[in-house]
Amino acid sequence: HRRPFAEPSSPASISAVERRGGMLKAALESQGVVGDRFAEYAKFVGEEIRPRLTELGDELRGDVELMERLGDAILDELREAEGEVASNWESYYNVAAKSLGVSTSAASRQGALSSSDEPKSEDDLLRDARDVWLVEMKYRMSVAYLSACWEKCSSELSRLFASMKETECSRRFQLRELLITFVQRQERLWLGLPPILTPVLKDLVDRPMDRASIEGDVQQSIRARAQTIQREEHAEQRRREAERTGPGLTGINTAEGNFELSSPLLSDLLFKAHVIEKRGTGYMSGWKTTLAVVTADSFLHLFELPSSVRVQCGSAPEVAFHALVPPVEVPTQESLHAKGGGGGGSHKKSQTSTLVAEWYENLTPAESFVLPNCAVSYKDEPGNSTFEIRETVFNVGASKMFGTTTTRRLYLRTVSREETVEWIRALKAPK
């Protein structure tokens, strides 16, 4: 409650009250003006500056999260591809090392028998036979896949880098304009404090905002970070090399990290390859086009061709083999947007991480025959280009109850009698 003033009783006291009231009124009016202007300034900041700053922050977080997810997805893709190369190299190394002591013997590299030959005893059959060419082919194709994946990932990372620079340039331009507006409005309110505000405004206005300067700053920061990561990786590599020495590639500079091998069809382990037709023994079985490969370790591999491939019996094996390799697909900003719905913060990295597709699925043979365990029969008649191959297979698991071995049969057909004779000769020939 306000205490009422006492009524003045003399002209002197009346004059004192007027002077005192006038000084208080001026102070209150000035304080009211300052309060009104501060309220207007606070309203301006709340309605104009703060929402736009919040929006810029949300946009930046969304863009950074999208870039992190895309970068992590690309690195995961490369890491999985490198893992496939390492795994296929280990398999190739182990099988090749084993074949040096076993597979070079005459018994393991002999061809198939004719139908007129005496059947082999179980002691003469090869057990646990593995083909070096098959694992070598997977290793070569995994290296080729890694090279293609690396090229596409490098291109996508370049796009990511350019997008990051563009985003940062746009953000800085908007932030600069917003801060200039904010400081100018603040200067109008606090005009009595020019020594504090003028340097800030001058710094904002005079700060270089050309594209070259911004890109130089961003590039310098990325280069410094990349050098730090490179030093850490070199230290980790030296530590691993000191702990273990594993198999390597002779004549290859492993520091480069990107090299290519020749096609598996040019391997010394390949004896013959051609596109032929096959048919099972079932009543409803039909002829299917397949890529047949005979290796130097006396294996016959039959590869299923995708239904979309338009090759026929007698086509070039290079065309058929190339059709077995799918196109390389790496994560892109568009694919992440489609899967994760943009750069929102509600999506976790685990939900958008990609898995390397089974790109080598078609490179696994549908049928494989150990030729020393096989017999070939053919009726040499005019116009006949079909022959039969029979393999004695050791029973495993519950099938052992019905005998130690069983026989499986398959019919093969070429485009002419001459090619059939040539194929039978290749199947029977010592490798």
Protein backbone atom coordinates (compact mmCIF):
# COMPACT_ATOMS: atom_id res chain seq x y z
CA HIS A 1 0.00 0.00 0.00
CA ARG A 2 1.22 3.48 -0.80
CA ARG A 3 1.67 5.86 2.09
CA PRO A 4 -0.24 9.13 1.39
CA PHE A 5 1.75 12.36 1.34
CA ALA A 6 1.00 14.99 3.98
CA GLU A 7 -0.70 18.05 2.64
CA PRO A 8 1.76 20.99 2.35
CA SER A 9 0.98 23.85 4.67
CA SER A 10 3.32 26.52 3.26
CA PRO A 11 4.43 27.85 -0.12
CA ALA A 12 7.99 26.57 0.53
CA SER A 13 6.84 23.00 1.17
CA ILE A 14 4.59 23.09 -1.90
CA SER A 15 7.53 24.12 -4.05
CA ALA A 16 9.66 21.30 -2.60
CA VAL A 17 6.99 18.71 -3.42
CA GLU A 18 6.73 19.91 -7.00
CA ARG A 19 10.50 19.75 -7.53
CA ARG A 20 10.69 16.29 -5.97
CA GLY A 21 7.75 15.02 -8.05
CA GLY A 22 9.19 16.42 -11.27
CA MET A 23 12.57 14.65 -10.76
CA LEU A 24 10.80 11.33 -9.99
CA LYS A 25 8.47 11.69 -12.95
CA ALA A 26 11.37 12.21 -15.36
CA ALA A 27 13.17 9.18 -13.96
CA LEU A 28 10.05 7.06 -14.19
CA GLU A 29 9.31 8.25 -17.71
CA SER A 30 12.86 7.50 -18.85
CA GLN A 31 12.70 4.11 -17.19
CA GLY A 32 9.35 3.48 -18.86
CA VAL A 33 10.77 4.36 -22.25
CA VAL A 34 13.73 2.06 -21.66
CA GLY A 35 11.38 -0.68 -20.51
CA ASP A 36 9.15 -0.26 -23.57
CA ARG A 37 12.09 -0.37 -25.91
CA PHE A 38 13.55 -3.40 -24.15
CA ALA A 39 10.18 -5.16 -24.37
CA GLU A 40 10.04 -4.31 -28.08
CA TYR A 41 13.60 -5.60 -28.49
CA ALA A 42 12.79 -8.81 -26.58
CA LYS A 43 9.72 -9.35 -28.74
CA PHE A 44 11.78 -8.84 -31.89
CA VAL A 45 14.38 -11.35 -30.73
CA GLY A 46 11.74 -13.87 -29.69
CA GLU A 47 9.75 -13.60 -32.92
CA GLU A 48 12.44 -12.92 -35.54
CA ILE A 49 15.89 -14.04 -34.37
CA ARG A 50 15.43 -17.02 -32.08
CA PRO A 51 13.14 -19.10 -34.39
CA ARG A 52 15.51 -18.65 -37.32
CA LEU A 53 18.53 -19.58 -35.18
CA THR A 54 16.70 -22.68 -33.97
CA GLU A 55 15.80 -23.57 -37.55
CA LEU A 56 19.42 -23.17 -38.68
CA GLY A 57 20.57 -25.37 -35.80
CA ASP A 58 18.04 -28.07 -36.66
CA GLU A 59 19.01 -27.96 -40.34
CA LEU A 60 22.70 -28.22 -39.45
CA ARG A 61 22.12 -31.18 -37.13
CA GLY A 62 20.04 -32.92 -39.79
CA ASP A 63 22.67 -32.34 -42.49
CA VAL A 64 25.52 -33.47 -40.22
CA GLU A 65 23.64 -36.59 -39.19
CA LEU A 66 22.88 -37.44 -42.84
CA MET A 67 26.53 -36.95 -43.77
CA GLU A 68 27.65 -39.11 -40.84
CA ARG A 69 25.22 -41.85 -41.77
CA LEU A 70 26.26 -41.77 -45.41
CA GLY A 71 29.95 -41.74 -44.51
CA ASP A 72 29.51 -44.61 -42.06
CA ALA A 73 27.48 -46.57 -44.63
CA ILE A 74 30.19 -46.10 -47.27
CA LEU A 75 32.92 -47.10 -44.82
CA ASP A 76 30.89 -50.16 -43.79
CA GLU A 77 30.49 -51.06 -47.46
CA LEU A 78 34.25 -50.79 -48.06
CA ARG A 79 35.01 -52.63 -44.82
CA GLU A 80 32.73 -55.52 -45.80
CA ALA A 81 34.25 -55.64 -49.29
CA GLU A 82 37.76 -55.68 -47.80
CA GLY A 83 36.66 -58.43 -45.43
CA GLU A 84 35.48 -60.49 -48.40
CA VAL A 85 38.88 -60.03 -50.08
CA ALA A 86 40.70 -61.09 -46.91
CA SER A 87 38.42 -64.10 -46.37
CA ASN A 88 38.68 -65.26 -49.99
CA TRP A 89 42.46 -64.74 -49.90
CA GLU A 90 42.75 -66.90 -46.77
CA SER A 91 40.67 -69.63 -48.42
CA TYR A 92 42.71 -69.39 -51.62
CA TYR A 93 45.98 -69.43 -49.70
CA ASN A 94 45.00 -72.49 -47.61
CA VAL A 95 43.62 -74.48 -50.55
CA ALA A 96 46.57 -73.59 -52.78
CA ALA A 97 49.06 -74.53 -50.05
CA LYS A 98 47.28 -77.83 -49.53
CA SER A 99 47.17 -78.56 -53.25
CA LEU A 100 50.96 -78.18 -53.51
CA GLY A 101 51.34 -81.28 -51.41
CA VAL A 102 48.32 -83.29 -52.61
CA SER A 103 46.68 -82.02 -55.79
CA THR A 104 49.79 -82.19 -57.97
CA SER A 105 49.91 -85.97 -57.80
CA ALA A 106 48.95 -87.91 -60.89
CA ALA A 107 45.92 -89.51 -59.22
CA SER A 108 44.32 -86.17 -58.28
CA ARG A 109 44.74 -84.58 -61.72
CA GLN A 110 43.64 -87.45 -63.92
CA GLY A 111 40.55 -87.17 -66.08
CA ALA A 112 37.23 -89.01 -66.10
CA LEU A 113 36.81 -92.63 -67.19
CA SER A 114 34.94 -93.93 -70.19
CA SER A 115 31.82 -96.01 -69.73
CA SER A 116 33.73 -99.05 -70.96
CA ASP A 117 36.42 -98.71 -68.28
CA GLU A 118 36.28 -100.68 -65.11
CA PRO A 119 34.67 -98.82 -62.18
CA LYS A 120 37.03 -97.58 -59.55
CA SER A 121 37.22 -99.01 -56.08
CA GLU A 122 36.42 -96.83 -53.10
CA ASP A 123 40.12 -96.68 -52.19
CA ASP A 124 40.89 -95.08 -55.57
CA LEU A 125 38.28 -92.33 -55.20
CA LEU A 126 39.31 -88.86 -54.06
CA ARG A 127 37.96 -87.70 -50.70
CA ASP A 128 37.42 -84.09 -49.62
CA ALA A 129 38.57 -82.78 -53.01
CA ARG A 130 38.67 -79.01 -53.42
CA ASP A 131 39.37 -77.03 -56.59
CA VAL A 132 42.04 -74.33 -56.43
CA TRP A 133 40.64 -72.46 -59.44
CA LEU A 134 37.25 -72.02 -57.80
CA VAL A 135 38.65 -70.33 -54.70
CA GLU A 136 41.12 -68.38 -56.83
CA MET A 137 38.24 -67.17 -59.01
CA LYS A 138 36.31 -65.96 -55.96
CA TYR A 139 39.42 -64.16 -54.71
CA ARG A 140 40.03 -62.46 -58.06
CA MET A 141 36.40 -61.38 -58.35
CA SER A 142 36.33 -60.10 -54.77
CA VAL A 143 39.38 -57.94 -55.58
CA ALA A 144 37.63 -56.67 -58.72
CA TYR A 145 34.49 -55.96 -56.70
CA LEU A 146 36.52 -54.07 -54.09
CA SER A 147 38.17 -51.96 -56.80
CA ALA A 148 34.83 -51.06 -58.39
CA CYS A 149 33.31 -50.42 -54.96
CA TRP A 150 36.24 -48.19 -54.04
CA GLU A 151 35.83 -46.11 -57.21
CA LYS A 152 32.10 -45.61 -56.68
CA CYS A 153 32.57 -44.88 -52.98
CA SER A 154 35.27 -42.33 -53.81
CA SER A 155 32.86 -40.63 -56.22
CA GLU A 156 30.10 -40.60 -53.60
CA LEU A 157 32.49 -39.23 -50.97
CA SER A 158 33.47 -36.45 -53.38
CA ARG A 159 29.79 -35.59 -53.77
CA LEU A 160 29.44 -35.66 -49.98
CA PHE A 161 32.42 -33.32 -49.59
CA ALA A 162 31.01 -30.87 -52.16
CA SER A 163 27.59 -31.01 -50.48
CA MET A 164 29.20 -30.37 -47.10
CA LYS A 165 31.00 -27.28 -48.42
CA GLU A 166 27.81 -25.99 -50.06
CA THR A 167 25.85 -26.53 -46.86
CA GLU A 168 28.45 -24.75 -44.75
CA CYS A 169 28.61 -21.81 -47.17
CA SER A 170 24.83 -21.41 -47.13
CA ARG A 171 24.67 -21.72 -43.35
CA ARG A 172 27.38 -19.12 -42.81
CA PHE A 173 25.77 -16.66 -45.20
CA GLN A 174 22.40 -16.98 -43.46
CA LEU A 175 23.95 -16.83 -40.01
CA ARG A 176 25.92 -13.72 -40.97
CA GLU A 177 22.84 -11.87 -42.20
CA LEU A 178 20.88 -12.93 -39.14
CA LEU A 179 23.58 -11.81 -36.72
CA ILE A 180 24.01 -8.49 -38.49
CA THR A 181 20.26 -7.83 -38.14
CA PHE A 182 20.41 -8.88 -34.50
CA VAL A 183 23.36 -6.65 -33.67
CA GLN A 184 21.94 -3.69 -35.56
CA ARG A 185 18.73 -3.94 -33.57
CA GLN A 186 20.74 -4.30 -30.40
CA GLU A 187 22.76 -1.23 -31.34
CA ARG A 188 19.57 0.80 -31.57
CA LEU A 189 18.71 -0.28 -28.02
CA TRP A 190 22.13 0.10 -26.52
CA LEU A 191 23.28 3.13 -28.47
CA GLY A 192 24.91 4.41 -25.31
CA LEU A 193 27.43 1.55 -25.34
CA PRO A 194 29.16 1.98 -28.73
CA PRO A 195 32.63 0.83 -27.52
CA ILE A 196 31.18 -2.63 -26.86
CA LEU A 197 28.89 -3.03 -29.86
CA THR A 198 30.88 -1.28 -32.59
CA PRO A 199 33.81 -3.77 -32.57
CA VAL A 200 31.37 -6.72 -32.71
CA LEU A 201 29.41 -5.22 -35.61
CA LYS A 202 32.62 -4.23 -37.40
CA ASP A 203 34.00 -7.75 -36.93
CA LEU A 204 30.84 -9.29 -38.38
CA VAL A 205 30.67 -6.90 -41.32
CA ASP A 206 34.37 -7.04 -42.16
CA ARG A 207 34.75 -10.79 -41.73
CA PRO A 208 35.65 -12.38 -45.12
CA MET A 209 32.64 -14.31 -46.38
CA ASP A 210 33.68 -15.07 -49.96
CA ARG A 211 33.38 -18.67 -51.15
CA ALA A 212 37.13 -19.16 -51.58
CA SER A 213 37.84 -18.18 -47.97
CA ILE A 214 35.13 -20.47 -46.60
CA GLU A 215 36.24 -23.42 -48.70
CA GLY A 216 39.85 -22.79 -47.66
CA ASP A 217 38.87 -22.90 -43.97
CA VAL A 218 36.82 -26.07 -44.41
CA GLN A 219 39.52 -27.75 -46.48
CA GLN A 220 42.23 -26.91 -43.97
CA SER A 221 40.17 -28.38 -41.12
CA ILE A 222 39.49 -31.59 -43.07
CA ARG A 223 43.15 -31.90 -44.08
CA ALA A 224 44.30 -31.57 -40.48
CA ARG A 225 41.81 -34.21 -39.36
CA ALA A 226 42.80 -36.56 -42.20
CA GLN A 227 46.48 -36.26 -41.28
CA THR A 228 45.67 -37.15 -37.69
CA ILE A 229 43.68 -40.22 -38.79
CA GLN A 230 46.48 -41.25 -41.17
CA ARG A 231 49.07 -41.09 -38.39
CA GLU A 232 46.84 -43.18 -36.14
CA GLU A 233 46.29 -45.77 -38.89
CA HIS A 234 50.03 -46.01 -39.62
CA ALA A 235 50.76 -46.53 -35.94
CA GLU A 236 48.08 -49.23 -35.72
CA GLN A 237 49.42 -50.92 -38.87
CA ARG A 238 52.97 -50.98 -37.51
CA ARG A 239 51.68 -52.48 -34.28
CA ARG A 240 49.80 -55.24 -36.15
CA GLU A 241 52.76 -56.01 -38.38
CA ALA A 242 54.95 -56.38 -35.31
CA GLU A 243 52.49 -58.83 -33.78
CA ARG A 244 51.78 -61.05 -36.79
CA THR A 245 53.07 -61.59 -40.29
CA GLY A 246 50.40 -63.06 -42.60
CA PRO A 247 50.23 -64.04 -46.26
CA GLY A 248 50.68 -61.25 -48.78
CA LEU A 249 50.81 -60.63 -52.52
CA THR A 250 54.16 -60.93 -54.21
CA GLY A 251 55.12 -57.91 -56.26
CA ILE A 252 52.20 -55.77 -55.05
CA ASN A 253 52.62 -52.48 -53.25
CA THR A 254 50.15 -52.93 -50.40
CA ALA A 255 50.51 -49.27 -49.43
CA GLU A 256 48.56 -48.26 -52.53
CA GLY A 257 45.55 -50.32 -51.45
CA ASN A 258 43.91 -50.34 -54.88
CA PHE A 259 44.95 -52.87 -57.54
CA GLU A 260 43.28 -55.18 -60.02
CA LEU A 261 43.81 -58.79 -61.02
CA SER A 262 43.20 -60.36 -64.39
CA SER A 263 40.04 -62.31 -65.21
CA PRO A 264 39.72 -65.80 -63.68
CA LEU A 265 39.20 -67.11 -67.23
CA LEU A 266 42.88 -66.27 -67.89
CA SER A 267 44.13 -68.25 -64.89
CA ASP A 268 46.67 -71.04 -65.34
CA LEU A 269 44.38 -73.20 -63.20
CA LEU A 270 41.66 -73.12 -65.88
CA PHE A 271 41.73 -75.98 -68.40
CA LYS A 272 38.57 -75.34 -70.50
CA ALA A 273 35.45 -73.15 -70.35
CA HIS A 274 32.43 -73.00 -72.64
CA VAL A 275 28.66 -72.41 -72.68
CA ILE A 276 26.79 -75.71 -73.05
CA GLU A 277 23.44 -77.21 -71.99
CA LYS A 278 22.61 -79.58 -69.15
CA ARG A 279 19.64 -81.76 -68.22
CA GLY A 280 18.87 -83.87 -65.17
CA THR A 281 17.68 -87.46 -65.18
CA GLY A 282 14.14 -86.62 -64.07
CA TYR A 283 11.23 -87.20 -66.42
CA MET A 284 10.22 -83.53 -66.40
CA SER A 285 13.78 -82.17 -66.63
CA GLY A 286 14.52 -79.78 -69.48
CA TRP A 287 17.64 -78.44 -71.07
CA LYS A 288 19.20 -75.40 -69.37
CA THR A 289 22.01 -73.22 -70.64
CA THR A 290 25.01 -73.27 -68.28
CA LEU A 291 28.62 -72.15 -68.13
CA ALA A 292 30.85 -75.24 -67.88
CA VAL A 293 34.39 -74.93 -66.53
CA VAL A 294 37.04 -77.66 -66.37
CA THR A 295 39.96 -76.84 -64.08
CA ALA A 296 43.53 -78.06 -63.91
CA ASP A 297 42.74 -79.94 -60.70
CA SER A 298 40.25 -82.15 -62.57
CA PHE A 299 37.00 -80.53 -61.52
CA LEU A 300 33.95 -79.82 -63.67
CA HIS A 301 31.91 -76.83 -62.49
CA LEU A 302 28.52 -75.85 -63.91
CA PHE A 303 27.35 -72.26 -63.21
CA GLU A 304 23.68 -71.28 -63.37
CA LEU A 305 23.09 -68.28 -65.64
CA PRO A 306 20.54 -65.62 -64.55
CA SER A 307 17.26 -65.68 -66.43
CA SER A 308 17.88 -62.13 -67.65
CA VAL A 309 21.03 -63.16 -69.51
CA ARG A 310 20.54 -63.78 -73.21
CA VAL A 311 23.21 -66.35 -74.02
CA GLN A 312 22.82 -69.68 -75.72
CA CYS A 313 24.74 -72.87 -76.18
CA GLY A 314 28.03 -72.08 -77.89
CA SER A 315 28.22 -68.43 -76.80
CA ALA A 316 31.54 -66.97 -75.68
CA PRO A 317 32.40 -67.95 -72.08
CA GLU A 318 33.61 -64.40 -71.37
CA VAL A 319 30.10 -63.04 -72.02
CA ALA A 320 28.47 -65.65 -69.78
CA PHE A 321 31.01 -65.20 -66.98
CA HIS A 322 30.61 -61.42 -67.07
CA ALA A 323 26.85 -61.88 -66.65
CA LEU A 324 27.44 -63.71 -63.36
CA VAL A 325 28.91 -60.57 -61.77
CA PRO A 326 26.22 -58.10 -60.62
CA PRO A 327 26.67 -54.30 -60.86
CA VAL A 328 28.33 -52.59 -57.92
CA GLU A 329 25.95 -50.54 -55.76
CA VAL A 330 27.16 -48.29 -52.94
CA PRO A 331 25.20 -46.12 -50.49
CA THR A 332 24.17 -42.69 -51.78
CA GLN A 333 22.39 -39.74 -50.26
CA GLU A 334 19.27 -40.65 -52.24
CA SER A 335 19.26 -44.24 -50.96
CA LEU A 336 19.70 -43.10 -47.37
CA HIS A 337 16.87 -40.60 -47.78
CA ALA A 338 14.67 -43.37 -49.16
CA LYS A 339 15.52 -45.78 -46.32
CA GLY A 340 15.79 -43.39 -43.37
CA GLY A 341 13.39 -40.64 -44.39
CA GLY A 342 15.99 -37.86 -44.49
CA GLY A 343 18.37 -36.52 -41.88
CA GLY A 344 15.99 -36.42 -38.91
CA GLY A 345 17.44 -37.10 -35.50
CA SER A 346 14.96 -39.87 -34.64
CA HIS A 347 16.71 -42.48 -36.80
CA LYS A 348 19.63 -44.39 -35.36
CA LYS A 349 22.68 -45.42 -37.33
CA SER A 350 21.95 -49.07 -36.65
CA GLN A 351 18.68 -48.72 -38.54
CA THR A 352 20.34 -47.37 -41.67
CA SER A 353 23.59 -49.34 -41.77
CA THR A 354 23.94 -51.33 -44.98
CA LEU A 355 25.03 -54.89 -45.49
CA VAL A 356 27.13 -56.04 -48.42
CA ALA A 357 24.86 -57.95 -50.77
CA GLU A 358 25.68 -61.52 -51.69
CA TRP A 359 27.16 -60.28 -54.94
CA TYR A 360 29.10 -63.51 -55.52
CA GLU A 361 25.99 -65.71 -55.29
CA ASN A 362 26.01 -66.51 -59.02
CA LEU A 363 29.75 -67.26 -58.84
CA THR A 364 29.08 -70.37 -56.78
CA PRO A 365 28.72 -73.42 -59.05
CA ALA A 366 25.32 -75.09 -59.14
CA GLU A 367 26.99 -78.45 -59.88
CA SER A 368 30.56 -79.59 -59.26
CA PHE A 369 32.03 -82.95 -60.31
CA VAL A 370 35.31 -84.50 -59.20
CA LEU A 371 36.48 -85.93 -62.53
CA PRO A 372 38.66 -88.76 -61.11
CA ASN A 373 35.44 -90.06 -59.51
CA CYS A 374 33.43 -89.76 -62.76
CA ALA A 375 32.74 -91.83 -65.87
CA VAL A 376 31.64 -90.44 -69.25
CA SER A 377 29.47 -92.31 -71.75
CA TYR A 378 28.67 -91.23 -75.32
CA LYS A 379 27.10 -92.84 -78.38
CA ASP A 380 29.19 -91.67 -81.29
CA GLU A 381 26.45 -91.32 -83.89
CA PRO A 382 25.94 -88.73 -86.66
CA GLY A 383 24.15 -85.69 -85.30
CA ASN A 384 24.41 -86.77 -81.64
CA SER A 385 25.94 -84.11 -79.37
CA THR A 386 24.65 -85.38 -75.98
CA PHE A 387 26.76 -87.33 -73.49
CA GLU A 388 26.29 -88.54 -69.94
CA ILE A 389 28.54 -88.03 -66.93
CA ARG A 390 28.26 -90.18 -63.79
CA GLU A 391 30.00 -89.45 -60.50
CA THR A 392 30.49 -91.77 -57.55
CA VAL A 393 29.78 -89.73 -54.42
CA PHE A 394 30.47 -90.68 -50.84
CA ASN A 395 27.36 -90.71 -48.69
CA VAL A 396 27.27 -88.49 -45.61
CA GLY A 397 24.99 -88.28 -42.62
CA ALA A 398 21.92 -90.51 -42.51
CA SER A 399 22.42 -91.61 -46.12
CA LYS A 400 25.33 -93.81 -44.95
CA MET A 401 22.70 -96.29 -43.79
CA PHE A 402 21.98 -97.15 -47.44
CA GLY A 403 25.60 -97.64 -48.48
CA THR A 404 29.00 -96.01 -48.56
CA THR A 405 28.60 -94.42 -51.98
CA THR A 406 25.93 -93.39 -54.45
CA THR A 407 25.90 -92.35 -58.10
CA ARG A 408 24.56 -89.15 -59.59
CA ARG A 409 24.06 -88.60 -63.32
CA LEU A 410 23.72 -85.59 -65.59
CA TYR A 411 23.31 -85.13 -69.35
CA LEU A 412 25.35 -82.51 -71.17
CA ARG A 413 24.96 -81.23 -74.74
CA THR A 414 27.03 -79.01 -77.04
CA VAL A 415 26.15 -77.40 -80.37
CA SER A 416 27.78 -80.11 -82.51
CA ARG A 417 29.18 -83.62 -82.45
CA GLU A 418 32.71 -82.27 -82.92
CA GLU A 419 32.49 -80.06 -79.84
CA THR A 420 31.07 -82.96 -77.83
CA VAL A 421 34.03 -85.16 -78.77
CA GLU A 422 36.38 -82.33 -77.86
CA TRP A 423 34.67 -81.88 -74.48
CA ILE A 424 34.83 -85.60 -73.68
CA ARG A 425 38.51 -85.56 -74.57
CA ALA A 426 39.04 -82.60 -72.20
CA LEU A 427 37.17 -84.35 -69.38
CA LYS A 428 39.25 -87.52 -69.74
CA ALA A 429 42.61 -85.86 -70.33
CA PRO A 430 45.21 -85.72 -67.54
CA LYS A 431 45.47 -82.16 -66.34
